[in-house]
Amino acid sequence: MPEAFILFKTQPSHEREVYFALDNHSNVAELHVLYGEYDLVARVTAKDSKELTSYLMQDFRQIDGVRDTQTLIAVDY
């Protein structure tokens, strides 16, 4: 099961809106507010890599207020 950590930059004053939109997504397993270069980090799970790509491209990046994302895909040793 693919897992990724996604860092979000939001438009100024849209942090709460983006947070609540992500918090309502069924595949967001964990969500945190950050101080620094990025505003939020989400841990996301998916059944396969195609589903993960779909969440990134069609769901998360389309949320009003999202300015930029950085995706870190977790791997096993």
PDB file of N, CA and C in Angstrom:
ATOM      1  N   MET A   1       0.849  -1.173   0.000  1.00  0.00           N
ATOM      2  CA  MET A   1       0.000   0.000   0.000  1.00  0.00           C
ATOM      3  C   MET A   1       0.897   1.239   0.000  1.00  0.00           C
ATOM      4  N   PRO A   2       0.885   2.026  -1.063  1.00  0.00           N
ATOM      5  CA  PRO A   2       1.721   3.229  -1.125  1.00  0.00           C
ATOM      6  C   PRO A   2       1.330   4.238  -0.053  1.00  0.00           C
ATOM      7  N   GLU A   3       2.349   4.922   0.431  1.00  0.00           N
ATOM      8  CA  GLU A   3       2.153   5.954   1.434  1.00  0.00           C
ATOM      9  C   GLU A   3       3.034   7.136   1.061  1.00  0.00           C
ATOM     10  N   ALA A   4       2.520   8.337   1.260  1.00  0.00           N
ATOM     11  CA  ALA A   4       3.288   9.531   0.937  1.00  0.00           C
ATOM     12  C   ALA A   4       3.044  10.593   1.988  1.00  0.00           C
ATOM     13  N   PHE A   5       4.044  11.454   2.146  1.00  0.00           N
ATOM     14  CA  PHE A   5       3.922  12.648   2.970  1.00  0.00           C
ATOM     15  C   PHE A   5       3.867  13.817   1.994  1.00  0.00           C
ATOM     16  N   ILE A   6       2.856  14.641   2.133  1.00  0.00           N
ATOM     17  CA  ILE A   6       2.687  15.766   1.215  1.00  0.00           C
ATOM     18  C   ILE A   6       2.787  17.056   2.007  1.00  0.00           C
ATOM     19  N   LEU A   7       3.705  17.902   1.592  1.00  0.00           N
ATOM     20  CA  LEU A   7       3.875  19.218   2.190  1.00  0.00           C
ATOM     21  C   LEU A   7       3.076  20.216   1.373  1.00  0.00           C
ATOM     22  N   PHE A   8       2.339  21.083   2.029  1.00  0.00           N
ATOM     23  CA  PHE A   8       1.478  22.053   1.361  1.00  0.00           C
ATOM     24  C   PHE A   8       1.883  23.478   1.698  1.00  0.00           C
ATOM     25  N   LYS A   9       1.946  24.315   0.664  1.00  0.00           N
ATOM     26  CA  LYS A   9       2.008  25.758   0.838  1.00  0.00           C
ATOM     27  C   LYS A   9       0.634  26.275   0.453  1.00  0.00           C
ATOM     28  N   THR A  10       0.095  27.160   1.273  1.00  0.00           N
ATOM     29  CA  THR A  10      -1.237  27.685   0.999  1.00  0.00           C
ATOM     30  C   THR A  10      -1.171  29.180   0.673  1.00  0.00           C
ATOM     31  N   GLN A  11      -2.241  29.656   0.069  1.00  0.00           N
ATOM     32  CA  GLN A  11      -2.380  31.091  -0.132  1.00  0.00           C
ATOM     33  C   GLN A  11      -2.509  31.741   1.248  1.00  0.00           C
ATOM     34  N   PRO A  12      -2.031  32.960   1.412  1.00  0.00           N
ATOM     35  CA  PRO A  12      -2.160  33.631   2.707  1.00  0.00           C
ATOM     36  C   PRO A  12      -3.605  33.629   3.204  1.00  0.00           C
ATOM     37  N   SER A  13      -3.759  33.296   4.453  1.00  0.00           N
ATOM     38  CA  SER A  13      -5.035  33.247   5.187  1.00  0.00           C
ATOM     39  C   SER A  13      -5.979  32.130   4.726  1.00  0.00           C
ATOM     40  N   HIS A  14      -5.489  31.146   3.969  1.00  0.00           N
ATOM     41  CA  HIS A  14      -6.309  30.000   3.546  1.00  0.00           C
ATOM     42  C   HIS A  14      -5.914  28.701   4.255  1.00  0.00           C
ATOM     43  N   GLU A  15      -5.049  28.791   5.245  1.00  0.00           N
ATOM     44  CA  GLU A  15      -4.558  27.581   5.913  1.00  0.00           C
ATOM     45  C   GLU A  15      -5.691  26.746   6.504  1.00  0.00           C
ATOM     46  N   ARG A  16      -6.629  27.395   7.190  1.00  0.00           N
ATOM     47  CA  ARG A  16      -7.721  26.654   7.838  1.00  0.00           C
ATOM     48  C   ARG A  16      -8.618  25.965   6.813  1.00  0.00           C
ATOM     49  N   GLU A  17      -8.939  26.651   5.732  1.00  0.00           N
ATOM     50  CA  GLU A  17      -9.796  26.068   4.697  1.00  0.00           C
ATOM     51  C   GLU A  17      -9.146  24.817   4.105  1.00  0.00           C
ATOM     52  N   VAL A  18      -7.866  24.916   3.799  1.00  0.00           N
ATOM     53  CA  VAL A  18      -7.145  23.775   3.226  1.00  0.00           C
ATOM     54  C   VAL A  18      -7.057  22.648   4.249  1.00  0.00           C
ATOM     55  N   TYR A  19      -6.768  23.003   5.496  1.00  0.00           N
ATOM     56  CA  TYR A  19      -6.683  22.004   6.565  1.00  0.00           C
ATOM     57  C   TYR A  19      -7.989  21.203   6.642  1.00  0.00           C
ATOM     58  N   PHE A  20      -9.121  21.888   6.704  1.00  0.00           N
ATOM     59  CA  PHE A  20     -10.397  21.192   6.854  1.00  0.00           C
ATOM     60  C   PHE A  20     -10.769  20.393   5.607  1.00  0.00           C
ATOM     61  N   ALA A  21     -10.392  20.874   4.429  1.00  0.00           N
ATOM     62  CA  ALA A  21     -10.634  20.103   3.205  1.00  0.00           C
ATOM     63  C   ALA A  21      -9.833  18.804   3.228  1.00  0.00           C
ATOM     64  N   LEU A  22      -8.576  18.880   3.655  1.00  0.00           N
ATOM     65  CA  LEU A  22      -7.742  17.675   3.745  1.00  0.00           C
ATOM     66  C   LEU A  22      -8.232  16.746   4.848  1.00  0.00           C
ATOM     67  N   ASP A  23      -8.636  17.317   5.964  1.00  0.00           N
ATOM     68  CA  ASP A  23      -9.086  16.521   7.107  1.00  0.00           C
ATOM     69  C   ASP A  23     -10.326  15.698   6.762  1.00  0.00           C
ATOM     70  N   ASN A  24     -11.113  16.155   5.806  1.00  0.00           N
ATOM     71  CA  ASN A  24     -12.321  15.431   5.392  1.00  0.00           C
ATOM     72  C   ASN A  24     -12.054  14.365   4.333  1.00  0.00           C
ATOM     73  N   HIS A  25     -10.821  14.283   3.838  1.00  0.00           N
ATOM     74  CA  HIS A  25     -10.490  13.297   2.799  1.00  0.00           C
ATOM     75  C   HIS A  25     -10.212  11.948   3.465  1.00  0.00           C
ATOM     76  N   SER A  26     -10.849  10.908   2.976  1.00  0.00           N
ATOM     77  CA  SER A  26     -10.764   9.589   3.617  1.00  0.00           C
ATOM     78  C   SER A  26      -9.369   8.969   3.595  1.00  0.00           C
ATOM     79  N   ASN A  27      -8.510   9.373   2.669  1.00  0.00           N
ATOM     80  CA  ASN A  27      -7.184   8.766   2.588  1.00  0.00           C
ATOM     81  C   ASN A  27      -6.098   9.572   3.283  1.00  0.00           C
ATOM     82  N   VAL A  28      -6.468  10.653   3.936  1.00  0.00           N
ATOM     83  CA  VAL A  28      -5.505  11.393   4.748  1.00  0.00           C
ATOM     84  C   VAL A  28      -5.482  10.726   6.124  1.00  0.00           C
ATOM     85  N   ALA A  29      -4.374  10.048   6.406  1.00  0.00           N
ATOM     86  CA  ALA A  29      -4.246   9.296   7.647  1.00  0.00           C
ATOM     87  C   ALA A  29      -3.784  10.170   8.809  1.00  0.00           C
ATOM     88  N   GLU A  30      -3.088  11.243   8.496  1.00  0.00           N
ATOM     89  CA  GLU A  30      -2.523  12.121   9.521  1.00  0.00           C
ATOM     90  C   GLU A  30      -2.352  13.502   8.907  1.00  0.00           C
ATOM     91  N   LEU A  31      -2.579  14.548   9.704  1.00  0.00           N
ATOM     92  CA  LEU A  31      -2.510  15.916   9.193  1.00  0.00           C
ATOM     93  C   LEU A  31      -1.997  16.833  10.294  1.00  0.00           C
ATOM     94  N   HIS A  32      -1.018  17.695   9.948  1.00  0.00           N
ATOM     95  CA  HIS A  32      -0.430  18.602  10.929  1.00  0.00           C
ATOM     96  C   HIS A  32      -0.220  19.983  10.331  1.00  0.00           C
ATOM     97  N   VAL A  33      -0.382  20.993  11.177  1.00  0.00           N
ATOM     98  CA  VAL A  33      -0.071  22.373  10.814  1.00  0.00           C
ATOM     99  C   VAL A  33       1.401  22.607  11.127  1.00  0.00           C
ATOM    100  N   LEU A  34       2.077  23.349  10.240  1.00  0.00           N
ATOM    101  CA  LEU A  34       3.510  23.602  10.397  1.00  0.00           C
ATOM    102  C   LEU A  34       3.794  25.101  10.444  1.00  0.00           C
ATOM    103  N   TYR A  35       4.915  25.455  11.042  1.00  0.00           N
ATOM    104  CA  TYR A  35       5.481  26.802  10.933  1.00  0.00           C
ATOM    105  C   TYR A  35       6.755  26.677  10.129  1.00  0.00           C
ATOM    106  N   GLY A  36       6.952  27.553   9.183  1.00  0.00           N
ATOM    107  CA  GLY A  36       8.142  27.490   8.346  1.00  0.00           C
ATOM    108  C   GLY A  36       7.776  27.639   6.886  1.00  0.00           C
ATOM    109  N   GLU A  37       8.570  27.039   6.031  1.00  0.00           N
ATOM    110  CA  GLU A  37       8.373  27.174   4.586  1.00  0.00           C
ATOM    111  C   GLU A  37       7.041  26.592   4.119  1.00  0.00           C
ATOM    112  N   TYR A  38       6.614  25.489   4.749  1.00  0.00           N
ATOM    113  CA  TYR A  38       5.349  24.847   4.400  1.00  0.00           C
ATOM    114  C   TYR A  38       4.341  25.070   5.518  1.00  0.00           C
ATOM    115  N   ASP A  39       3.064  25.044   5.157  1.00  0.00           N
ATOM    116  CA  ASP A  39       1.994  25.324   6.110  1.00  0.00           C
ATOM    117  C   ASP A  39       1.351  24.067   6.701  1.00  0.00           C
ATOM    118  N   LEU A  40       1.331  22.976   5.923  1.00  0.00           N
ATOM    119  CA  LEU A  40       0.678  21.740   6.355  1.00  0.00           C
ATOM    120  C   LEU A  40       1.468  20.543   5.855  1.00  0.00           C
ATOM    121  N   VAL A  41       1.344  19.434   6.580  1.00  0.00           N
ATOM    122  CA  VAL A  41       1.869  18.164   6.098  1.00  0.00           C
ATOM    123  C   VAL A  41       0.797  17.102   6.322  1.00  0.00           C
ATOM    124  N   ALA A  42       0.581  16.280   5.300  1.00  0.00           N
ATOM    125  CA  ALA A  42      -0.410  15.208   5.368  1.00  0.00           C
ATOM    126  C   ALA A  42       0.267  13.880   5.049  1.00  0.00           C
ATOM    127  N   ARG A  43      -0.101  12.862   5.814  1.00  0.00           N
ATOM    128  CA  ARG A  43       0.324  11.493   5.482  1.00  0.00           C
ATOM    129  C   ARG A  43      -0.856  10.840   4.782  1.00  0.00           C
ATOM    130  N   VAL A  44      -0.620  10.360   3.576  1.00  0.00           N
ATOM    131  CA  VAL A  44      -1.688   9.842   2.718  1.00  0.00           C
ATOM    132  C   VAL A  44      -1.405   8.392   2.376  1.00  0.00           C
ATOM    133  N   THR A  45      -2.438   7.570   2.397  1.00  0.00           N
ATOM    134  CA  THR A  45      -2.323   6.175   1.982  1.00  0.00           C
ATOM    135  C   THR A  45      -3.231   5.934   0.778  1.00  0.00           C
ATOM    136  N   ALA A  46      -2.847   4.969  -0.036  1.00  0.00           N
ATOM    137  CA  ALA A  46      -3.634   4.620  -1.230  1.00  0.00           C
ATOM    138  C   ALA A  46      -3.467   3.128  -1.493  1.00  0.00           C
ATOM    139  N   LYS A  47      -4.382   2.558  -2.272  1.00  0.00           N
ATOM    140  CA  LYS A  47      -4.291   1.123  -2.552  1.00  0.00           C
ATOM    141  C   LYS A  47      -3.196   0.800  -3.573  1.00  0.00           C
ATOM    142  N   ASP A  48      -2.869   1.778  -4.452  1.00  0.00           N
ATOM    143  CA  ASP A  48      -1.802   1.580  -5.426  1.00  0.00           C
ATOM    144  C   ASP A  48      -1.280   2.943  -5.879  1.00  0.00           C
ATOM    145  N   SER A  49      -0.235   2.937  -6.689  1.00  0.00           N
ATOM    146  CA  SER A  49       0.394   4.189  -7.107  1.00  0.00           C
ATOM    147  C   SER A  49      -0.510   5.030  -8.013  1.00  0.00           C
ATOM    148  N   LYS A  50      -1.356   4.382  -8.800  1.00  0.00           N
ATOM    149  CA  LYS A  50      -2.284   5.142  -9.653  1.00  0.00           C
ATOM    150  C   LYS A  50      -3.295   5.908  -8.806  1.00  0.00           C
ATOM    151  N   GLU A  51      -3.788   5.274  -7.760  1.00  0.00           N
ATOM    152  CA  GLU A  51      -4.732   5.949  -6.875  1.00  0.00           C
ATOM    153  C   GLU A  51      -4.042   7.118  -6.158  1.00  0.00           C
ATOM    154  N   LEU A  52      -2.823   6.926  -5.723  1.00  0.00           N
ATOM    155  CA  LEU A  52      -2.062   7.991  -5.080  1.00  0.00           C
ATOM    156  C   LEU A  52      -1.887   9.175  -6.038  1.00  0.00           C
ATOM    157  N   THR A  53      -1.533   8.895  -7.277  1.00  0.00           N
ATOM    158  CA  THR A  53      -1.382   9.949  -8.282  1.00  0.00           C
ATOM    159  C   THR A  53      -2.704  10.693  -8.489  1.00  0.00           C
ATOM    160  N   SER A  54      -3.787   9.966  -8.527  1.00  0.00           N
ATOM    161  CA  SER A  54      -5.101  10.585  -8.694  1.00  0.00           C
ATOM    162  C   SER A  54      -5.407  11.529  -7.546  1.00  0.00           C
ATOM    163  N   TYR A  55      -5.147  11.108  -6.317  1.00  0.00           N
ATOM    164  CA  TYR A  55      -5.381  11.984  -5.166  1.00  0.00           C
ATOM    165  C   TYR A  55      -4.563  13.264  -5.281  1.00  0.00           C
ATOM    166  N   LEU A  56      -3.315  13.111  -5.683  1.00  0.00           N
ATOM    167  CA  LEU A  56      -2.437  14.275  -5.781  1.00  0.00           C
ATOM    168  C   LEU A  56      -2.904  15.248  -6.859  1.00  0.00           C
ATOM    169  N   MET A  57      -3.151  14.729  -8.041  1.00  0.00           N
ATOM    170  CA  MET A  57      -3.439  15.576  -9.190  1.00  0.00           C
ATOM    171  C   MET A  57      -4.885  16.073  -9.234  1.00  0.00           C
ATOM    172  N   GLN A  58      -5.830  15.221  -8.848  1.00  0.00           N
ATOM    173  CA  GLN A  58      -7.235  15.573  -9.024  1.00  0.00           C
ATOM    174  C   GLN A  58      -7.924  16.013  -7.742  1.00  0.00           C
ATOM    175  N   ASP A  59      -7.353  15.693  -6.597  1.00  0.00           N
ATOM    176  CA  ASP A  59      -7.989  16.073  -5.336  1.00  0.00           C
ATOM    177  C   ASP A  59      -7.204  17.182  -4.631  1.00  0.00           C
ATOM    178  N   PHE A  60      -6.021  16.847  -4.157  1.00  0.00           N
ATOM    179  CA  PHE A  60      -5.295  17.753  -3.274  1.00  0.00           C
ATOM    180  C   PHE A  60      -4.841  19.038  -3.953  1.00  0.00           C
ATOM    181  N   ARG A  61      -4.331  18.955  -5.137  1.00  0.00           N
ATOM    182  CA  ARG A  61      -3.847  20.166  -5.823  1.00  0.00           C
ATOM    183  C   ARG A  61      -4.982  21.053  -6.317  1.00  0.00           C
ATOM    184  N   GLN A  62      -6.200  20.526  -6.320  1.00  0.00           N
ATOM    185  CA  GLN A  62      -7.357  21.301  -6.768  1.00  0.00           C
ATOM    186  C   GLN A  62      -8.083  22.007  -5.625  1.00  0.00           C
ATOM    187  N   ILE A  63      -7.651  21.801  -4.401  1.00  0.00           N
ATOM    188  CA  ILE A  63      -8.282  22.451  -3.251  1.00  0.00           C
ATOM    189  C   ILE A  63      -8.026  23.954  -3.331  1.00  0.00           C
ATOM    190  N   ASP A  64      -9.083  24.742  -3.196  1.00  0.00           N
ATOM    191  CA  ASP A  64      -8.929  26.201  -3.192  1.00  0.00           C
ATOM    192  C   ASP A  64      -7.998  26.609  -2.061  1.00  0.00           C
ATOM    193  N   GLY A  65      -7.019  27.420  -2.399  1.00  0.00           N
ATOM    194  CA  GLY A  65      -6.073  27.900  -1.408  1.00  0.00           C
ATOM    195  C   GLY A  65      -4.740  27.190  -1.426  1.00  0.00           C
ATOM    196  N   VAL A  66      -4.638  26.050  -2.112  1.00  0.00           N
ATOM    197  CA  VAL A  66      -3.356  25.354  -2.231  1.00  0.00           C
ATOM    198  C   VAL A  66      -2.521  26.074  -3.280  1.00  0.00           C
ATOM    199  N   ARG A  67      -1.330  26.495  -2.867  1.00  0.00           N
ATOM    200  CA  ARG A  67      -0.442  27.217  -3.779  1.00  0.00           C
ATOM    201  C   ARG A  67       0.612  26.297  -4.370  1.00  0.00           C
ATOM    202  N   ASP A  68       1.126  25.361  -3.544  1.00  0.00           N
ATOM    203  CA  ASP A  68       2.213  24.490  -3.989  1.00  0.00           C
ATOM    204  C   ASP A  68       2.231  23.245  -3.108  1.00  0.00           C
ATOM    205  N   THR A  69       2.729  22.134  -3.668  1.00  0.00           N
ATOM    206  CA  THR A  69       2.890  20.906  -2.900  1.00  0.00           C
ATOM    207  C   THR A  69       4.269  20.307  -3.149  1.00  0.00           C
ATOM    208  N   GLN A  70       4.712  19.546  -2.197  1.00  0.00           N
ATOM    209  CA  GLN A  70       5.946  18.749  -2.324  1.00  0.00           C
ATOM    210  C   GLN A  70       5.590  17.363  -1.817  1.00  0.00           C
ATOM    211  N   THR A  71       5.748  16.347  -2.651  1.00  0.00           N
ATOM    212  CA  THR A  71       5.363  14.986  -2.290  1.00  0.00           C
ATOM    213  C   THR A  71       6.595  14.151  -2.025  1.00  0.00           C
ATOM    214  N   LEU A  72       6.569  13.472  -0.881  1.00  0.00           N
ATOM    215  CA  LEU A  72       7.640  12.565  -0.470  1.00  0.00           C
ATOM    216  C   LEU A  72       7.030  11.180  -0.364  1.00  0.00           C
ATOM    217  N   ILE A  73       7.406  10.277  -1.261  1.00  0.00           N
ATOM    218  CA  ILE A  73       6.846   8.929  -1.271  1.00  0.00           C
ATOM    219  C   ILE A  73       7.679   8.037  -0.372  1.00  0.00           C
ATOM    220  N   ALA A  74       7.017   7.399   0.563  1.00  0.00           N
ATOM    221  CA  ALA A  74       7.691   6.514   1.527  1.00  0.00           C
ATOM    222  C   ALA A  74       7.981   5.162   0.880  1.00  0.00           C
ATOM    223  N   VAL A  75       9.135   4.591   1.202  1.00  0.00           N
ATOM    224  CA  VAL A  75       9.519   3.268   0.716  1.00  0.00           C
ATOM    225  C   VAL A  75       9.958   2.412   1.886  1.00  0.00           C
ATOM    226  N   ASP A  76       9.958   1.111   1.687  1.00  0.00           N
ATOM    227  CA  ASP A  76      10.413   0.169   2.715  1.00  0.00           C
ATOM    228  C   ASP A  76      11.824  -0.297   2.395  1.00  0.00           C
ATOM    229  N   TYR A  77      12.571  -0.574   3.434  1.00  0.00           N
ATOM    230  CA  TYR A  77      13.907  -1.171   3.260  1.00  0.00           C
ATOM    231  C   TYR A  77      13.781  -2.659   3.182  1.00  0.00           C
TER     232      TYR A  77
END
